[in-house]
Amino acid sequence: MRANGLDTPWGRADVAALARAGADAVLLPKVESPGMVREAVDALAGAPAALALWCMLETPRGILNAAAIAAASPRITALVMGTSDLTKELHARHTPDRLPLLTSLELCVLAARAAGVAALDGVHLDLDDDAGFEAACRQAVALGFDGKTLIHPKQIAAANELFGPTAHDVEWARRVIAAHAEAAARGQGVALLDGRLIENLHVEDARRAVALAEAIETLARR
C-alpha cells in the first residue's frame, strides 16, 4: 500500500496506520535520504517483522542517494523507479527509448543489487501504446529490473510474460543445473553444454530462473 510522502502533513500518520493494516509492504514515495527511511521505520514501530518497505526513487537527490537508501534498513526489500516525477524533476522529455532516464535506471539497479533487494521499473503511461509498453519492459529486463509498476490491469498479463522466464528459459536452466551437477560429481568445476562453458555463475542464474518459474506456478494455482 502506498503512503503519502513524509514531506507531506499526512505521511507519518499514513505509515503508522499501515503498520497495522495487514499489508505486505509499504510503498514510500519520494525517498531522498537514509534519514527519510529511518523516519519511516520509526513510524512502523510495532509492525510485523515481515512488513517490508519499498522506496520510490523519483527525484535527482533520491537517485544520487540510491545506494545509501537501499542499505538504510533491513525492512527495505525493493527500490521502485518513479519515472514520471523524475522526468519532470530532470526537465527531461518522455522519449520512446527512455534515453534521458538511462543513467537513473542503471543507478537504481546497481544500488538494488549491491543491497540485495529488488528493483522495479516505473510505469508506462500510455494505455493504448502496447508496442511502447512491450519495448519498455524488454529494456527493463535487459537492464536487470525484476519487474515493473503498472497503472492498469490490462498491463498485467504482458508484464508477467515479459518479466517471467519462458518455457525455453526454464528448460535451459534445468539443463544447466543438471550438467554442472554431473561435472561436479566427476570432480570438475566446469561443464560443457551445447558448446557453452558452464560455471558457478551460470548455475546461480539458472537456479534463480527455476525458482521464479516455480513461484509463478504456485501463484497461478491459488
C-alpha atoms as a PDB file:
ATOM      1  CA  MET A   1       0.000   0.000   0.000  1.00  0.00           C
ATOM      2  CA  ARG A   2       1.246   3.462  -0.913  1.00  0.00           C
ATOM      3  CA  ALA A   3       1.546   6.115   1.764  1.00  0.00           C
ATOM      4  CA  ASN A   4       1.728   9.843   1.278  1.00  0.00           C
ATOM      5  CA  GLY A   5       5.277  11.132   1.292  1.00  0.00           C
ATOM      6  CA  LEU A   6       6.971  12.039   4.551  1.00  0.00           C
ATOM      7  CA  ASP A   7       7.319  15.577   3.214  1.00  0.00           C
ATOM      8  CA  THR A   8       3.523  15.976   3.444  1.00  0.00           C
ATOM      9  CA  PRO A   9       1.422  16.613   6.575  1.00  0.00           C
ATOM     10  CA  TRP A  10      -0.105  13.109   6.272  1.00  0.00           C
ATOM     11  CA  GLY A  11       2.939  10.956   5.560  1.00  0.00           C
ATOM     12  CA  ARG A  12       3.993   9.857   9.024  1.00  0.00           C
ATOM     13  CA  ALA A  13       0.406   9.150  10.109  1.00  0.00           C
ATOM     14  CA  ASP A  14      -0.153   7.127   6.917  1.00  0.00           C
ATOM     15  CA  VAL A  15       2.898   4.991   7.568  1.00  0.00           C
ATOM     16  CA  ALA A  16       1.909   4.452  11.206  1.00  0.00           C
ATOM     17  CA  ALA A  17      -1.591   3.378  10.145  1.00  0.00           C
ATOM     18  CA  LEU A  18      -0.219   0.983   7.521  1.00  0.00           C
ATOM     19  CA  ALA A  19       1.878  -0.708  10.190  1.00  0.00           C
ATOM     20  CA  ARG A  20      -1.355  -2.323  11.394  1.00  0.00           C
ATOM     21  CA  ALA A  21      -3.260  -2.579   8.097  1.00  0.00           C
ATOM     22  CA  GLY A  22      -2.204  -6.092   7.133  1.00  0.00           C
ATOM     23  CA  ALA A  23      -0.278  -5.014   4.048  1.00  0.00           C
ATOM     24  CA  ASP A  24       2.695  -6.979   2.755  1.00  0.00           C
ATOM     25  CA  ALA A  25       4.677  -3.806   2.093  1.00  0.00           C
ATOM     26  CA  VAL A  26       4.504  -0.042   2.475  1.00  0.00           C
ATOM     27  CA  LEU A  27       5.410   1.975  -0.617  1.00  0.00           C
ATOM     28  CA  LEU A  28       7.053   5.230   0.407  1.00  0.00           C
ATOM     29  CA  PRO A  29       7.186   7.913  -2.324  1.00  0.00           C
ATOM     30  CA  LYS A  30       9.901  10.487  -2.962  1.00  0.00           C
ATOM     31  CA  VAL A  31      12.530   8.924  -0.723  1.00  0.00           C
ATOM     32  CA  GLU A  32      15.642  11.092  -0.880  1.00  0.00           C
ATOM     33  CA  SER A  33      17.862  10.049   2.018  1.00  0.00           C
ATOM     34  CA  PRO A  34      18.569   7.327   4.594  1.00  0.00           C
ATOM     35  CA  GLY A  35      17.121   9.742   7.153  1.00  0.00           C
ATOM     36  CA  MET A  36      13.714   9.512   5.498  1.00  0.00           C
ATOM     37  CA  VAL A  37      13.952   5.729   5.647  1.00  0.00           C
ATOM     38  CA  ARG A  38      14.759   5.850   9.360  1.00  0.00           C
ATOM     39  CA  GLU A  39      11.797   8.153   9.943  1.00  0.00           C
ATOM     40  CA  ALA A  40       9.506   5.704   8.161  1.00  0.00           C
ATOM     41  CA  VAL A  41      10.909   2.761  10.120  1.00  0.00           C
ATOM     42  CA  ASP A  42      10.292   4.653  13.363  1.00  0.00           C
ATOM     43  CA  ALA A  43       6.689   5.216  12.288  1.00  0.00           C
ATOM     44  CA  LEU A  44       6.366   1.465  11.664  1.00  0.00           C
ATOM     45  CA  ALA A  45       7.125   0.694  15.317  1.00  0.00           C
ATOM     46  CA  GLY A  46       5.126  -2.349  16.355  1.00  0.00           C
ATOM     47  CA  ALA A  47       4.575  -3.552  12.799  1.00  0.00           C
ATOM     48  CA  PRO A  48       5.101  -7.245  11.990  1.00  0.00           C
ATOM     49  CA  ALA A  49       8.744  -8.074  11.317  1.00  0.00           C
ATOM     50  CA  ALA A  50       7.804  -9.254   7.828  1.00  0.00           C
ATOM     51  CA  LEU A  51       6.273  -5.919   6.805  1.00  0.00           C
ATOM     52  CA  ALA A  52       8.510  -4.616   4.020  1.00  0.00           C
ATOM     53  CA  LEU A  53       9.326  -1.073   2.971  1.00  0.00           C
ATOM     54  CA  TRP A  54       9.555  -0.185  -0.721  1.00  0.00           C
ATOM     55  CA  CYS A  55      11.298   3.085  -1.520  1.00  0.00           C
ATOM     56  CA  MET A  56      10.402   5.122  -4.586  1.00  0.00           C
ATOM     57  CA  LEU A  57      13.236   6.986  -6.272  1.00  0.00           C
ATOM     58  CA  GLU A  58      11.700   9.846  -8.212  1.00  0.00           C
ATOM     59  CA  THR A  59      13.907  12.872  -7.601  1.00  0.00           C
ATOM     60  CA  PRO A  60      17.529  13.639  -8.544  1.00  0.00           C
ATOM     61  CA  ARG A  61      18.545  13.563  -4.878  1.00  0.00           C
ATOM     62  CA  GLY A  62      16.891  10.193  -4.427  1.00  0.00           C
ATOM     63  CA  ILE A  63      18.744   8.739  -7.398  1.00  0.00           C
ATOM     64  CA  LEU A  64      22.089  10.102  -6.219  1.00  0.00           C
ATOM     65  CA  ASN A  65      21.473   8.600  -2.756  1.00  0.00           C
ATOM     66  CA  ALA A  66      20.103   5.293  -4.069  1.00  0.00           C
ATOM     67  CA  ALA A  67      22.834   3.088  -2.594  1.00  0.00           C
ATOM     68  CA  ALA A  68      22.565   4.629   0.880  1.00  0.00           C
ATOM     69  CA  ILE A  69      18.762   4.434   0.770  1.00  0.00           C
ATOM     70  CA  ALA A  70      18.765   0.773  -0.238  1.00  0.00           C
ATOM     71  CA  ALA A  71      21.054  -0.119   2.663  1.00  0.00           C
ATOM     72  CA  ALA A  72      19.323   2.045   5.261  1.00  0.00           C
ATOM     73  CA  SER A  73      17.112  -0.630   6.853  1.00  0.00           C
ATOM     74  CA  PRO A  74      16.542  -4.402   6.803  1.00  0.00           C
ATOM     75  CA  ARG A  75      12.863  -3.648   6.121  1.00  0.00           C
ATOM     76  CA  ILE A  76      13.710  -2.418   2.624  1.00  0.00           C
ATOM     77  CA  THR A  77      13.084  -5.111   0.042  1.00  0.00           C
ATOM     78  CA  ALA A  78      12.673  -3.060  -3.130  1.00  0.00           C
ATOM     79  CA  LEU A  79      13.644   0.158  -4.876  1.00  0.00           C
ATOM     80  CA  VAL A  80      10.943   1.489  -7.198  1.00  0.00           C
ATOM     81  CA  MET A  81      11.596   3.916 -10.029  1.00  0.00           C
ATOM     82  CA  GLY A  82       9.220   6.887 -10.141  1.00  0.00           C
ATOM     83  CA  THR A  83       9.932   7.699 -13.762  1.00  0.00           C
ATOM     84  CA  SER A  84       7.148  10.227 -14.334  1.00  0.00           C
ATOM     85  CA  ASP A  85       8.103  12.563 -11.493  1.00  0.00           C
ATOM     86  CA  LEU A  86      11.792  12.016 -12.156  1.00  0.00           C
ATOM     87  CA  THR A  87      11.407  13.063 -15.789  1.00  0.00           C
ATOM     88  CA  LYS A  88       9.702  16.261 -14.625  1.00  0.00           C
ATOM     89  CA  GLU A  89      12.366  16.952 -11.999  1.00  0.00           C
ATOM     90  CA  LEU A  90      15.153  16.437 -14.537  1.00  0.00           C
ATOM     91  CA  HIS A  91      13.447  18.810 -17.006  1.00  0.00           C
ATOM     92  CA  ALA A  92      13.764  15.886 -19.411  1.00  0.00           C
ATOM     93  CA  ARG A  93      11.397  14.537 -22.056  1.00  0.00           C
ATOM     94  CA  HIS A  94       9.448  11.311 -22.357  1.00  0.00           C
ATOM     95  CA  THR A  95      11.077   9.516 -25.299  1.00  0.00           C
ATOM     96  CA  PRO A  96      10.400   6.021 -26.665  1.00  0.00           C
ATOM     97  CA  ASP A  97      13.962   4.873 -25.910  1.00  0.00           C
ATOM     98  CA  ARG A  98      13.931   6.462 -22.414  1.00  0.00           C
ATOM     99  CA  LEU A  99      17.482   7.646 -23.042  1.00  0.00           C
ATOM    100  CA  PRO A 100      17.091  10.667 -20.686  1.00  0.00           C
ATOM    101  CA  LEU A 101      16.429   8.229 -17.821  1.00  0.00           C
ATOM    102  CA  LEU A 102      19.028   5.609 -18.646  1.00  0.00           C
ATOM    103  CA  THR A 103      21.614   6.718 -16.078  1.00  0.00           C
ATOM    104  CA  SER A 104      18.979   6.877 -13.332  1.00  0.00           C
ATOM    105  CA  LEU A 105      17.589   3.456 -14.237  1.00  0.00           C
ATOM    106  CA  GLU A 106      21.015   1.881 -14.117  1.00  0.00           C
ATOM    107  CA  LEU A 107      21.889   3.557 -10.804  1.00  0.00           C
ATOM    108  CA  CYS A 108      18.704   2.121  -9.313  1.00  0.00           C
ATOM    109  CA  VAL A 109      19.615  -1.403 -10.423  1.00  0.00           C
ATOM    110  CA  LEU A 110      23.197  -1.020  -9.195  1.00  0.00           C
ATOM    111  CA  ALA A 111      22.015   0.141  -5.768  1.00  0.00           C
ATOM    112  CA  ALA A 112      19.437  -2.634  -5.521  1.00  0.00           C
ATOM    113  CA  ARG A 113      21.912  -5.347  -6.451  1.00  0.00           C
ATOM    114  CA  ALA A 114      24.537  -4.007  -4.029  1.00  0.00           C
ATOM    115  CA  ALA A 115      21.972  -4.135  -1.209  1.00  0.00           C
ATOM    116  CA  GLY A 116      20.405  -7.432  -2.256  1.00  0.00           C
ATOM    117  CA  VAL A 117      16.912  -6.008  -2.830  1.00  0.00           C
ATOM    118  CA  ALA A 118      14.549  -5.973  -5.797  1.00  0.00           C
ATOM    119  CA  ALA A 119      14.459  -3.250  -8.450  1.00  0.00           C
ATOM    120  CA  LEU A 120      11.131  -2.295 -10.051  1.00  0.00           C
ATOM    121  CA  ASP A 121      10.856  -0.158 -13.172  1.00  0.00           C
ATOM    122  CA  GLY A 122       8.478   2.806 -13.442  1.00  0.00           C
ATOM    123  CA  VAL A 123       5.080   2.982 -15.105  1.00  0.00           C
ATOM    124  CA  HIS A 124       4.186   3.290 -18.784  1.00  0.00           C
ATOM    125  CA  LEU A 125       1.533   5.990 -19.012  1.00  0.00           C
ATOM    126  CA  ASP A 126       0.027   5.415 -22.474  1.00  0.00           C
ATOM    127  CA  LEU A 127      -2.505   2.614 -22.058  1.00  0.00           C
ATOM    128  CA  ASP A 128      -3.088   2.408 -25.820  1.00  0.00           C
ATOM    129  CA  ASP A 129       0.602   2.032 -26.636  1.00  0.00           C
ATOM    130  CA  ASP A 130       1.053  -1.736 -26.388  1.00  0.00           C
ATOM    131  CA  ALA A 131       4.188  -1.724 -28.510  1.00  0.00           C
ATOM    132  CA  GLY A 132       5.776   1.004 -26.399  1.00  0.00           C
ATOM    133  CA  PHE A 133       4.882  -0.837 -23.197  1.00  0.00           C
ATOM    134  CA  GLU A 134       6.468  -4.022 -24.514  1.00  0.00           C
ATOM    135  CA  ALA A 135       9.596  -2.144 -25.573  1.00  0.00           C
ATOM    136  CA  ALA A 136       9.928  -0.521 -22.133  1.00  0.00           C
ATOM    137  CA  CYS A 137       9.517  -3.894 -20.424  1.00  0.00           C
ATOM    138  CA  ARG A 138      12.123  -5.527 -22.650  1.00  0.00           C
ATOM    139  CA  GLN A 139      14.513  -2.662 -21.952  1.00  0.00           C
ATOM    140  CA  ALA A 140      13.938  -3.015 -18.217  1.00  0.00           C
ATOM    141  CA  VAL A 141      14.585  -6.761 -18.352  1.00  0.00           C
ATOM    142  CA  ALA A 142      17.797  -6.129 -20.278  1.00  0.00           C
ATOM    143  CA  LEU A 143      18.908  -3.585 -17.653  1.00  0.00           C
ATOM    144  CA  GLY A 144      18.298  -6.070 -14.849  1.00  0.00           C
ATOM    145  CA  PHE A 145      14.988  -4.943 -13.330  1.00  0.00           C
ATOM    146  CA  ASP A 146      12.908  -7.584 -11.551  1.00  0.00           C
ATOM    147  CA  GLY A 147       9.523  -6.179 -12.513  1.00  0.00           C
ATOM    148  CA  LYS A 148       7.515  -3.132 -13.483  1.00  0.00           C
ATOM    149  CA  THR A 149       4.955  -0.979 -11.714  1.00  0.00           C
ATOM    150  CA  LEU A 150       1.633  -0.759 -13.554  1.00  0.00           C
ATOM    151  CA  ILE A 151      -1.228   1.703 -13.762  1.00  0.00           C
ATOM    152  CA  HIS A 152      -3.967  -0.537 -15.220  1.00  0.00           C
ATOM    153  CA  PRO A 153      -4.976  -4.215 -15.023  1.00  0.00           C
ATOM    154  CA  LYS A 154      -4.703  -4.542 -18.810  1.00  0.00           C
ATOM    155  CA  GLN A 155      -0.900  -4.339 -18.451  1.00  0.00           C
ATOM    156  CA  ILE A 156      -0.568  -7.232 -16.002  1.00  0.00           C
ATOM    157  CA  ALA A 157      -0.531 -10.160 -18.433  1.00  0.00           C
ATOM    158  CA  ALA A 158       2.050  -8.604 -20.741  1.00  0.00           C
ATOM    159  CA  ALA A 159       4.296  -7.606 -17.844  1.00  0.00           C
ATOM    160  CA  ASN A 160       4.152 -11.093 -16.347  1.00  0.00           C
ATOM    161  CA  GLU A 161       5.011 -12.635 -19.684  1.00  0.00           C
ATOM    162  CA  LEU A 162       7.892 -10.270 -20.414  1.00  0.00           C
ATOM    163  CA  PHE A 163       9.494 -10.363 -16.955  1.00  0.00           C
ATOM    164  CA  GLY A 164       8.870 -14.041 -16.276  1.00  0.00           C
ATOM    165  CA  PRO A 165      11.079 -16.830 -17.641  1.00  0.00           C
ATOM    166  CA  THR A 166       9.861 -18.523 -20.804  1.00  0.00           C
ATOM    167  CA  ALA A 167       9.418 -22.286 -21.056  1.00  0.00           C
ATOM    168  CA  HIS A 168      12.648 -22.357 -23.094  1.00  0.00           C
ATOM    169  CA  ASP A 169      14.446 -20.358 -20.381  1.00  0.00           C
ATOM    170  CA  VAL A 170      13.328 -22.804 -17.685  1.00  0.00           C
ATOM    171  CA  GLU A 171      14.237 -25.860 -19.755  1.00  0.00           C
ATOM    172  CA  TRP A 172      17.714 -24.446 -20.416  1.00  0.00           C
ATOM    173  CA  ALA A 173      18.130 -23.533 -16.749  1.00  0.00           C
ATOM    174  CA  ARG A 174      17.312 -27.076 -15.648  1.00  0.00           C
ATOM    175  CA  ARG A 175      19.810 -28.458 -18.165  1.00  0.00           C
ATOM    176  CA  VAL A 176      22.482 -26.056 -16.897  1.00  0.00           C
ATOM    177  CA  ILE A 177      21.900 -27.174 -13.300  1.00  0.00           C
ATOM    178  CA  ALA A 178      21.991 -30.851 -14.262  1.00  0.00           C
ATOM    179  CA  ALA A 179      25.112 -30.513 -16.431  1.00  0.00           C
ATOM    180  CA  HIS A 180      27.021 -28.694 -13.717  1.00  0.00           C
ATOM    181  CA  ALA A 181      25.936 -31.240 -11.082  1.00  0.00           C
ATOM    182  CA  GLU A 182      27.203 -34.079 -13.286  1.00  0.00           C
ATOM    183  CA  ALA A 183      30.517 -32.291 -13.784  1.00  0.00           C
ATOM    184  CA  ALA A 184      30.833 -31.661 -10.040  1.00  0.00           C
ATOM    185  CA  ALA A 185      30.221 -35.356  -9.354  1.00  0.00           C
ATOM    186  CA  ARG A 186      33.228 -36.089 -11.576  1.00  0.00           C
ATOM    187  CA  GLY A 187      35.319 -33.598  -9.614  1.00  0.00           C
ATOM    188  CA  GLN A 188      35.164 -30.946 -12.345  1.00  0.00           C
ATOM    189  CA  GLY A 189      34.408 -27.287 -11.664  1.00  0.00           C
ATOM    190  CA  VAL A 190      33.022 -26.502 -15.108  1.00  0.00           C
ATOM    191  CA  ALA A 191      30.796 -28.243 -17.652  1.00  0.00           C
ATOM    192  CA  LEU A 192      30.251 -28.006 -21.393  1.00  0.00           C
ATOM    193  CA  LEU A 193      26.643 -27.836 -22.553  1.00  0.00           C
ATOM    194  CA  ASP A 194      25.803 -27.471 -26.243  1.00  0.00           C
ATOM    195  CA  GLY A 195      29.232 -25.983 -26.775  1.00  0.00           C
ATOM    196  CA  ARG A 196      28.857 -23.450 -23.954  1.00  0.00           C
ATOM    197  CA  LEU A 197      31.040 -23.318 -20.871  1.00  0.00           C
ATOM    198  CA  ILE A 198      29.001 -23.620 -17.670  1.00  0.00           C
ATOM    199  CA  GLU A 199      30.400 -22.260 -14.404  1.00  0.00           C
ATOM    200  CA  ASN A 200      29.019 -21.500 -10.952  1.00  0.00           C
ATOM    201  CA  LEU A 201      27.776 -18.060 -12.023  1.00  0.00           C
ATOM    202  CA  HIS A 202      25.631 -19.645 -14.735  1.00  0.00           C
ATOM    203  CA  VAL A 203      24.208 -22.123 -12.230  1.00  0.00           C
ATOM    204  CA  GLU A 204      23.210 -19.281  -9.904  1.00  0.00           C
ATOM    205  CA  ASP A 205      21.301 -17.582 -12.730  1.00  0.00           C
ATOM    206  CA  ALA A 206      19.716 -20.917 -13.684  1.00  0.00           C
ATOM    207  CA  ARG A 207      18.530 -21.594 -10.156  1.00  0.00           C
ATOM    208  CA  ARG A 208      17.042 -18.116  -9.963  1.00  0.00           C
ATOM    209  CA  ALA A 209      15.092 -18.719 -13.202  1.00  0.00           C
ATOM    210  CA  VAL A 210      13.773 -22.056 -11.960  1.00  0.00           C
ATOM    211  CA  ALA A 211      12.805 -20.605  -8.577  1.00  0.00           C
ATOM    212  CA  LEU A 212      10.971 -17.733 -10.271  1.00  0.00           C
ATOM    213  CA  ALA A 213       9.100 -20.122 -12.570  1.00  0.00           C
ATOM    214  CA  GLU A 214       8.087 -22.301  -9.632  1.00  0.00           C
ATOM    215  CA  ALA A 215       6.900 -19.273  -7.650  1.00  0.00           C
ATOM    216  CA  ILE A 216       4.801 -18.102 -10.611  1.00  0.00           C
ATOM    217  CA  GLU A 217       3.311 -21.579 -10.980  1.00  0.00           C
ATOM    218  CA  THR A 218       2.431 -21.695  -7.284  1.00  0.00           C
ATOM    219  CA  LEU A 219       0.679 -18.303  -7.502  1.00  0.00           C
ATOM    220  CA  ALA A 220      -1.224 -19.403 -10.608  1.00  0.00           C
ATOM    221  CA  ARG A 221      -2.677 -22.393  -8.721  1.00  0.00           C
ATOM    222  CA  ARG A 222      -4.108 -20.241  -5.917  1.00  0.00           C
END
